[in-house]
C-alpha atoms as a PDB file:
ATOM      1  CA  UNK A   1     -12.924-148.685-115.521  1.00  0.00           C
ATOM      2  CA  UNK A   2     -11.147-150.714-118.151  1.00  0.00           C
ATOM      3  CA  UNK A   3     -10.351-147.628-120.082  1.00  0.00           C
ATOM      4  CA  UNK A   4      -8.946-145.954-117.048  1.00  0.00           C
ATOM      5  CA  UNK A   5      -6.806-148.903-116.223  1.00  0.00           C
ATOM      6  CA  UNK A   6      -5.423-148.912-119.667  1.00  0.00           C
ATOM      7  CA  UNK A   7      -4.476-145.115-119.625  1.00  0.00           C
ATOM      8  CA  UNK A   8      -2.899-145.689-116.247  1.00  0.00           C
ATOM      9  CA  UNK A   9      -0.797-148.508-117.611  1.00  0.00           C
ATOM     10  CA  UNK A  10       0.266-146.404-120.488  1.00  0.00           C
ATOM     11  CA  UNK A  11       1.438-143.578-118.180  1.00  0.00           C
ATOM     12  CA  UNK A  12       3.329-146.087-116.151  1.00  0.00           C
ATOM     13  CA  UNK A  13       5.250-147.277-119.171  1.00  0.00           C
ATOM     14  CA  UNK A  14       6.025-143.707-120.298  1.00  0.00           C
ATOM     15  CA  UNK A  15       7.372-142.755-116.869  1.00  0.00           C
ATOM     16  CA  UNK A  16      10.995-143.932-117.222  1.00  0.00           C
ATOM     17  CA  UNK A  17      11.342-141.891-120.505  1.00  0.00           C
ATOM     18  CA  UNK A  18       9.660-138.859-118.789  1.00  0.00           C
ATOM     19  CA  UNK A  19      12.183-139.153-115.954  1.00  0.00           C
ATOM     20  CA  UNK A  20      15.197-139.405-118.385  1.00  0.00           C
ATOM     21  CA  UNK A  21      13.988-136.349-120.360  1.00  0.00           C
ATOM     22  CA  UNK A  22      13.654-134.491-117.216  1.00  0.00           C
ATOM     23  CA  UNK A  23      17.197-135.157-115.934  1.00  0.00           C
ATOM     24  CA  UNK A  24      19.302-131.921-115.837  1.00  0.00           C
ATOM     25  CA  UNK A  25      23.149-132.177-115.866  1.00  0.00           C
ATOM     26  CA  UNK A  26      23.401-128.755-114.100  1.00  0.00           C
ATOM     27  CA  UNK A  27      25.580-129.102-110.941  1.00  0.00           C
ATOM     28  CA  UNK A  28      29.087-129.515-109.530  1.00  0.00           C
ATOM     29  CA  UNK A  29      30.458-132.842-110.566  1.00  0.00           C
ATOM     30  CA  UNK A  30      33.472-134.731-109.242  1.00  0.00           C
ATOM     31  CA  UNK A  31      35.511-137.497-110.860  1.00  0.00           C
ATOM     32  CA  UNK A  32      38.847-139.323-110.768  1.00  0.00           C
ATOM     33  CA  UNK A  33      40.885-140.131-113.725  1.00  0.00           C
ATOM     34  CA  UNK A  34      43.097-143.254-113.275  1.00  0.00           C
ATOM     35  CA  UNK A  35      46.319-142.591-115.279  1.00  0.00           C
ATOM     36  CA  UNK A  36      49.696-144.391-115.424  1.00  0.00           C
ATOM     37  CA  UNK A  37      51.271-141.632-113.306  1.00  0.00           C
ATOM     38  CA  UNK A  38      48.521-141.813-110.623  1.00  0.00           C
ATOM     39  CA  UNK A  39      45.032-140.715-109.965  1.00  0.00           C
ATOM     40  CA  UNK A  40      43.930-137.075-110.728  1.00  0.00           C
ATOM     41  CA  UNK A  41      40.907-135.429-109.513  1.00  0.00           C
ATOM     42  CA  UNK A  42      38.575-133.287-111.621  1.00  0.00           C
ATOM     43  CA  UNK A  43      35.583-130.921-110.835  1.00  0.00           C
ATOM     44  CA  UNK A  44      33.358-129.740-113.429  1.00  0.00           C
ATOM     45  CA  UNK A  45      30.849-126.808-112.820  1.00  0.00           C
ATOM     46  CA  UNK A  46      27.915-127.294-115.281  1.00  0.00           C
ATOM     47  CA  UNK A  47      25.349-124.549-115.566  1.00  0.00           C
ATOM     48  CA  UNK A  48      23.240-122.299-117.786  1.00  0.00           C
ATOM     49  CA  UNK A  49      24.771-119.217-118.980  1.00  0.00           C
ATOM     50  CA  UNK A  50      21.723-117.351-120.598  1.00  0.00           C
ATOM     51  CA  UNK A  51      20.184-119.731-123.189  1.00  0.00           C
ATOM     52  CA  UNK A  52      23.483-121.716-123.471  1.00  0.00           C
ATOM     53  CA  UNK A  53      25.283-124.202-121.448  1.00  0.00           C
ATOM     54  CA  UNK A  54      28.611-123.468-119.817  1.00  0.00           C
ATOM     55  CA  UNK A  55      31.219-125.536-117.966  1.00  0.00           C
ATOM     56  CA  UNK A  56      34.325-124.636-115.960  1.00  0.00           C
ATOM     57  CA  UNK A  57      36.838-127.167-114.826  1.00  0.00           C
ATOM     58  CA  UNK A  58      39.086-127.400-111.708  1.00  0.00           C
ATOM     59  CA  UNK A  59      42.077-129.813-111.350  1.00  0.00           C
ATOM     60  CA  UNK A  60      42.909-129.156-107.608  1.00  0.00           C
ATOM     61  CA  UNK A  61      46.246-130.998-107.781  1.00  0.00           C
ATOM     62  CA  UNK A  62      47.490-128.719-110.496  1.00  0.00           C
ATOM     63  CA  UNK A  63      46.151-125.564-108.951  1.00  0.00           C
ATOM     64  CA  UNK A  64      43.768-125.098-111.830  1.00  0.00           C
ATOM     65  CA  UNK A  65      40.376-123.403-110.959  1.00  0.00           C
ATOM     66  CA  UNK A  66      37.563-122.367-113.068  1.00  0.00           C
ATOM     67  CA  UNK A  67      38.903-122.893-116.560  1.00  0.00           C
ATOM     68  CA  UNK A  68      36.095-122.305-119.138  1.00  0.00           C
ATOM     69  CA  UNK A  69      35.687-125.270-121.475  1.00  0.00           C
ATOM     70  CA  UNK A  70      34.567-125.192-125.033  1.00  0.00           C
ATOM     71  CA  UNK A  71      32.632-127.327-127.667  1.00  0.00           C
ATOM     72  CA  UNK A  72      30.084-128.050-125.045  1.00  0.00           C
ATOM     73  CA  UNK A  73      27.429-130.463-125.928  1.00  0.00           C
ATOM     74  CA  UNK A  74      24.249-131.302-123.898  1.00  0.00           C
ATOM     75  CA  UNK A  75      21.820-133.280-125.869  1.00  0.00           C
ATOM     76  CA  UNK A  76      19.276-135.296-123.800  1.00  0.00           C
ATOM     77  CA  UNK A  77      21.394-137.456-121.585  1.00  0.00           C
ATOM     78  CA  UNK A  78      24.496-136.751-123.638  1.00  0.00           C
ATOM     79  CA  UNK A  79      27.040-134.502-122.113  1.00  0.00           C
ATOM     80  CA  UNK A  80      30.447-133.453-123.688  1.00  0.00           C
ATOM     81  CA  UNK A  81      33.174-130.804-123.365  1.00  0.00           C
ATOM     82  CA  UNK A  82      36.673-129.994-124.685  1.00  0.00           C
ATOM     83  CA  UNK A  83      39.455-128.760-122.506  1.00  0.00           C
ATOM     84  CA  UNK A  84      41.529-126.086-124.268  1.00  0.00           C
ATOM     85  CA  UNK A  85      45.187-126.555-124.884  1.00  0.00           C
ATOM     86  CA  UNK A  86      47.260-129.540-124.085  1.00  0.00           C
ATOM     87  CA  UNK A  87      46.091-131.383-127.173  1.00  0.00           C
ATOM     88  CA  UNK A  88      42.362-130.470-126.623  1.00  0.00           C
ATOM     89  CA  UNK A  89      41.396-133.634-124.607  1.00  0.00           C
ATOM     90  CA  UNK A  90      37.603-134.346-124.646  1.00  0.00           C
ATOM     91  CA  UNK A  91      35.266-135.943-122.166  1.00  0.00           C
ATOM     92  CA  UNK A  92      31.798-137.403-123.429  1.00  0.00           C
ATOM     93  CA  UNK A  93      29.329-139.130-121.050  1.00  0.00           C
ATOM     94  CA  UNK A  94      25.889-140.160-120.445  1.00  0.00           C
ATOM     95  CA  UNK A  95      23.717-138.776-117.619  1.00  0.00           C
ATOM     96  CA  UNK A  96      21.904-141.496-115.458  1.00  0.00           C
ATOM     97  CA  UNK A  97      18.190-141.499-115.162  1.00  0.00           C
ATOM     98  CA  UNK A  98      18.252-140.230-111.573  1.00  0.00           C
ATOM     99  CA  UNK A  99      20.697-137.439-112.794  1.00  0.00           C
ATOM    100  CA  UNK A 100      23.223-138.324-110.071  1.00  0.00           C
ATOM    101  CA  UNK A 101      26.014-139.787-112.231  1.00  0.00           C
ATOM    102  CA  UNK A 102      27.500-139.494-115.497  1.00  0.00           C
ATOM    103  CA  UNK A 103      29.374-142.512-117.098  1.00  0.00           C
ATOM    104  CA  UNK A 104      31.789-141.362-119.695  1.00  0.00           C
ATOM    105  CA  UNK A 105      35.248-141.471-121.347  1.00  0.00           C
ATOM    106  CA  UNK A 106      38.235-139.121-121.358  1.00  0.00           C
ATOM    107  CA  UNK A 107      39.942-139.059-124.649  1.00  0.00           C
ATOM    108  CA  UNK A 108      43.459-137.526-124.905  1.00  0.00           C
ATOM    109  CA  UNK A 109      46.114-138.101-127.566  1.00  0.00           C
ATOM    110  CA  UNK A 110      44.226-141.200-128.905  1.00  0.00           C
ATOM    111  CA  UNK A 111      43.932-142.794-125.447  1.00  0.00           C
ATOM    112  CA  UNK A 112      40.423-143.578-124.108  1.00  0.00           C
ATOM    113  CA  UNK A 113      40.251-143.862-120.309  1.00  0.00           C
ATOM    114  CA  UNK A 114      36.925-144.226-118.526  1.00  0.00           C
ATOM    115  CA  UNK A 115      35.981-141.673-115.999  1.00  0.00           C
ATOM    116  CA  UNK A 116      32.542-141.379-114.068  1.00  0.00           C
ATOM    117  CA  UNK A 117      31.378-138.178-112.552  1.00  0.00           C
ATOM    118  CA  UNK A 118      29.192-137.908-109.432  1.00  0.00           C
ATOM    119  CA  UNK A 119      26.955-135.078-108.667  1.00  0.00           C
ATOM    120  CA  UNK A 120      27.847-133.162-105.489  1.00  0.00           C
ATOM    121  CA  UNK A 121      25.799-130.058-105.324  1.00  0.00           C
ATOM    122  CA  UNK A 122      24.085-127.362-107.251  1.00  0.00           C
ATOM    123  CA  UNK A 123      26.293-125.267-109.752  1.00  0.00           C
ATOM    124  CA  UNK A 124      28.517-122.710-107.941  1.00  0.00           C
ATOM    125  CA  UNK A 125      28.062-119.024-108.927  1.00  0.00           C
ATOM    126  CA  UNK A 126      30.448-117.804-111.684  1.00  0.00           C
ATOM    127  CA  UNK A 127      31.905-114.306-111.204  1.00  0.00           C
ATOM    128  CA  UNK A 128      32.137-112.353-114.433  1.00  0.00           C
ATOM    129  CA  UNK A 129      35.592-110.815-115.010  1.00  0.00           C
ATOM    130  CA  UNK A 130      35.670-107.108-114.352  1.00  0.00           C
ATOM    131  CA  UNK A 131      35.998-104.851-117.340  1.00  0.00           C
ATOM    132  CA  UNK A 132      39.632-104.117-118.453  1.00  0.00           C
ATOM    133  CA  UNK A 133      41.046-100.950-116.960  1.00  0.00           C
ATOM    134  CA  UNK A 134      43.226 -98.324-118.445  1.00  0.00           C
ATOM    135  CA  UNK A 135      44.173 -97.809-122.208  1.00  0.00           C
ATOM    136  CA  UNK A 136      44.932-101.628-122.807  1.00  0.00           C
ATOM    137  CA  UNK A 137      44.292-101.408-126.560  1.00  0.00           C
ATOM    138  CA  UNK A 138      47.894-100.683-127.030  1.00  0.00           C
ATOM    139  CA  UNK A 139      48.583-104.379-126.369  1.00  0.00           C
ATOM    140  CA  UNK A 140      46.819-105.620-129.220  1.00  0.00           C
ATOM    141  CA  UNK A 141      48.838-108.277-131.046  1.00  0.00           C
ATOM    142  CA  UNK A 142      51.096-111.189-129.944  1.00  0.00           C
ATOM    143  CA  UNK A 143      53.761-111.075-127.258  1.00  0.00           C
ATOM    144  CA  UNK A 144      56.534-113.637-126.680  1.00  0.00           C
ATOM    145  CA  UNK A 145      59.016-114.320-124.147  1.00  0.00           C
ATOM    146  CA  UNK A 146      61.138-117.076-122.577  1.00  0.00           C
ATOM    147  CA  UNK A 147      61.138-118.223-118.822  1.00  0.00           C
ATOM    148  CA  UNK A 148      64.070-119.799-117.243  1.00  0.00           C
ATOM    149  CA  UNK A 149      62.814-122.407-114.776  1.00  0.00           C
ATOM    150  CA  UNK A 150      65.759-123.904-112.848  1.00  0.00           C
ATOM    151  CA  UNK A 151      67.754-124.131-116.225  1.00  0.00           C
ATOM    152  CA  UNK A 152      64.703-125.414-118.280  1.00  0.00           C
ATOM    153  CA  UNK A 153      63.705-123.153-120.986  1.00  0.00           C
ATOM    154  CA  UNK A 154      59.856-122.340-121.425  1.00  0.00           C
ATOM    155  CA  UNK A 155      58.615-120.207-124.327  1.00  0.00           C
ATOM    156  CA  UNK A 156      55.328-118.302-123.529  1.00  0.00           C
ATOM    157  CA  UNK A 157      53.171-116.190-125.546  1.00  0.00           C
ATOM    158  CA  UNK A 158      50.249-113.767-124.871  1.00  0.00           C
ATOM    159  CA  UNK A 159      47.716-112.958-127.505  1.00  0.00           C
ATOM    160  CA  UNK A 160      45.552-109.955-127.286  1.00  0.00           C
ATOM    161  CA  UNK A 161      42.508-109.285-129.656  1.00  0.00           C
ATOM    162  CA  UNK A 162      40.588-106.231-130.080  1.00  0.00           C
ATOM    163  CA  UNK A 163      36.804-106.446-131.085  1.00  0.00           C
ATOM    164  CA  UNK A 164      34.756-104.043-133.164  1.00  0.00           C
ATOM    165  CA  UNK A 165      33.809-102.176-130.024  1.00  0.00           C
ATOM    166  CA  UNK A 166      37.348-101.662-128.892  1.00  0.00           C
ATOM    167  CA  UNK A 167      37.240-104.405-126.018  1.00  0.00           C
ATOM    168  CA  UNK A 168      40.481-106.360-125.651  1.00  0.00           C
ATOM    169  CA  UNK A 169      40.613-109.969-124.659  1.00  0.00           C
ATOM    170  CA  UNK A 170      43.835-112.003-124.020  1.00  0.00           C
ATOM    171  CA  UNK A 171      44.985-115.682-124.007  1.00  0.00           C
ATOM    172  CA  UNK A 172      48.156-117.289-122.849  1.00  0.00           C
ATOM    173  CA  UNK A 173      50.141-120.098-124.409  1.00  0.00           C
ATOM    174  CA  UNK A 174      52.867-122.185-122.803  1.00  0.00           C
ATOM    175  CA  UNK A 175      54.302-123.233-126.098  1.00  0.00           C
ATOM    176  CA  UNK A 176      56.606-125.952-124.949  1.00  0.00           C
ATOM    177  CA  UNK A 177      54.032-127.525-122.749  1.00  0.00           C
ATOM    178  CA  UNK A 178      51.333-127.603-125.528  1.00  0.00           C
ATOM    179  CA  UNK A 179      49.017-125.546-123.290  1.00  0.00           C
ATOM    180  CA  UNK A 180      47.334-122.950-125.519  1.00  0.00           C
ATOM    181  CA  UNK A 181      44.484-120.572-125.344  1.00  0.00           C
ATOM    182  CA  UNK A 182      44.203-120.288-121.437  1.00  0.00           C
ATOM    183  CA  UNK A 183      42.065-117.184-120.864  1.00  0.00           C
ATOM    184  CA  UNK A 184      43.414-113.906-119.312  1.00  0.00           C
ATOM    185  CA  UNK A 185      40.953-112.954-116.619  1.00  0.00           C
ATOM    186  CA  UNK A 186      41.867-109.152-116.256  1.00  0.00           C
ATOM    187  CA  UNK A 187      44.146-106.727-118.169  1.00  0.00           C
ATOM    188  CA  UNK A 188      45.114-103.550-116.293  1.00  0.00           C
ATOM    189  CA  UNK A 189      47.252-100.651-117.461  1.00  0.00           C
ATOM    190  CA  UNK A 190      48.046 -97.544-115.412  1.00  0.00           C
ATOM    191  CA  UNK A 191      50.566 -95.239-117.256  1.00  0.00           C
ATOM    192  CA  UNK A 192      53.377 -97.520-118.397  1.00  0.00           C
ATOM    193  CA  UNK A 193      52.640-100.290-115.865  1.00  0.00           C
ATOM    194  CA  UNK A 194      50.728-103.314-117.240  1.00  0.00           C
ATOM    195  CA  UNK A 195      49.296-106.214-115.048  1.00  0.00           C
ATOM    196  CA  UNK A 196      47.724-109.394-116.356  1.00  0.00           C
ATOM    197  CA  UNK A 197      45.989-112.013-114.341  1.00  0.00           C
ATOM    198  CA  UNK A 198      44.938-115.713-115.119  1.00  0.00           C
ATOM    199  CA  UNK A 199      42.903-116.641-112.118  1.00  0.00           C
ATOM    200  CA  UNK A 200      42.276-120.150-113.517  1.00  0.00           C
ATOM    201  CA  UNK A 201      46.070-120.930-113.182  1.00  0.00           C
ATOM    202  CA  UNK A 202      47.055-118.731-110.326  1.00  0.00           C
ATOM    203  CA  UNK A 203      49.234-116.751-112.732  1.00  0.00           C
ATOM    204  CA  UNK A 204      49.980-113.010-112.982  1.00  0.00           C
ATOM    205  CA  UNK A 205      52.342-110.915-114.824  1.00  0.00           C
ATOM    206  CA  UNK A 206      53.404-107.326-114.142  1.00  0.00           C
ATOM    207  CA  UNK A 207      55.502-105.503-116.479  1.00  0.00           C
ATOM    208  CA  UNK A 208      56.657-101.985-117.647  1.00  0.00           C
ATOM    209  CA  UNK A 209      55.826-100.957-121.289  1.00  0.00           C
ATOM    210  CA  UNK A 210      58.767 -99.278-123.020  1.00  0.00           C
ATOM    211  CA  UNK A 211      58.153 -95.923-124.952  1.00  0.00           C
ATOM    212  CA  UNK A 212      57.397 -97.432-128.390  1.00  0.00           C
ATOM    213  CA  UNK A 213      55.170-100.214-126.884  1.00  0.00           C
ATOM    214  CA  UNK A 214      57.339-102.839-128.303  1.00  0.00           C
ATOM    215  CA  UNK A 215      58.548-104.621-125.048  1.00  0.00           C
ATOM    216  CA  UNK A 216      57.340-105.262-121.660  1.00  0.00           C
ATOM    217  CA  UNK A 217      59.792-105.951-118.858  1.00  0.00           C
ATOM    218  CA  UNK A 218      58.678-107.537-115.615  1.00  0.00           C
ATOM    219  CA  UNK A 219      57.961-110.581-113.468  1.00  0.00           C
ATOM    220  CA  UNK A 220      55.973-113.672-114.073  1.00  0.00           C
ATOM    221  CA  UNK A 221      54.305-115.182-110.926  1.00  0.00           C
ATOM    222  CA  UNK A 222      52.685-118.597-110.508  1.00  0.00           C
ATOM    223  CA  UNK A 223      51.615-119.451-106.838  1.00  0.00           C
ATOM    224  CA  UNK A 224      54.630-118.599-104.772  1.00  0.00           C
ATOM    225  CA  UNK A 225      57.202-118.607-107.461  1.00  0.00           C
ATOM    226  CA  UNK A 226      58.371-115.419-109.136  1.00  0.00           C
ATOM    227  CA  UNK A 227      60.553-115.150-112.456  1.00  0.00           C
ATOM    228  CA  UNK A 228      61.745-112.442-114.538  1.00  0.00           C
ATOM    229  CA  UNK A 229      60.143-112.332-117.995  1.00  0.00           C
ATOM    230  CA  UNK A 230      60.614-109.831-120.810  1.00  0.00           C
ATOM    231  CA  UNK A 231      57.756-109.873-123.497  1.00  0.00           C
ATOM    232  CA  UNK A 232      58.473-108.746-126.907  1.00  0.00           C
ATOM    233  CA  UNK A 233      55.759-107.678-129.393  1.00  0.00           C
ATOM    234  CA  UNK A 234      55.923-109.996-132.629  1.00  0.00           C
ATOM    235  CA  UNK A 235      56.078-107.925-135.641  1.00  0.00           C
ATOM    236  CA  UNK A 236      53.371-108.546-138.070  1.00  0.00           C
ATOM    237  CA  UNK A 237      54.267-110.819-141.113  1.00  0.00           C
ATOM    238  CA  UNK A 238      54.530-109.267-144.418  1.00  0.00           C
ATOM    239  CA  UNK A 239      52.135-110.571-147.036  1.00  0.00           C
END
């Protein structure tokens, strides 16, 4: 009986550590960042993607939805992620023992702001982007253009990379705003017509490719707003 009691006591002492080890950060998390310019709400979708962790971010007030994050770290109770572009701000936090909250800090531009997250539900399903359609390999390279937004000049850039199998992926940079590496969701080409979609930012671009594939002339749309935008392929720099 004494031996049994000692074994039971040992199990009770180990129980909190076991619970902590079993805590899983997978889920839909919500938090509010308090800034000098007001509160900003965030939503993080934390889930497994095969044998790796993946996280997408929403900022509803900015119309941002499903932005994939990078440099993801899940190590025991530690959870961390980096947001692409805009100075690559980072969030690092610690999962509570009951797995319902994450206490952490948002680090941007040398400023550290506390932000706690609350578990709301199981992670949402993530739709895989459909395969690019049409002969989009011709877009490989860097394309630059200038938007005139009510008299304000914004330089933008699309970057297209082709891998060894011929697949093309794209990213978008808003140069003056410091937002870089935003993923292009789909790339479609039909004859000389090209359409680019960035679902995370509610952005699309539709343009007409000229004969020597050096310019795209078309329209840039974000939400209800549409602006003319001509993109010019950047010439490769000579070594």
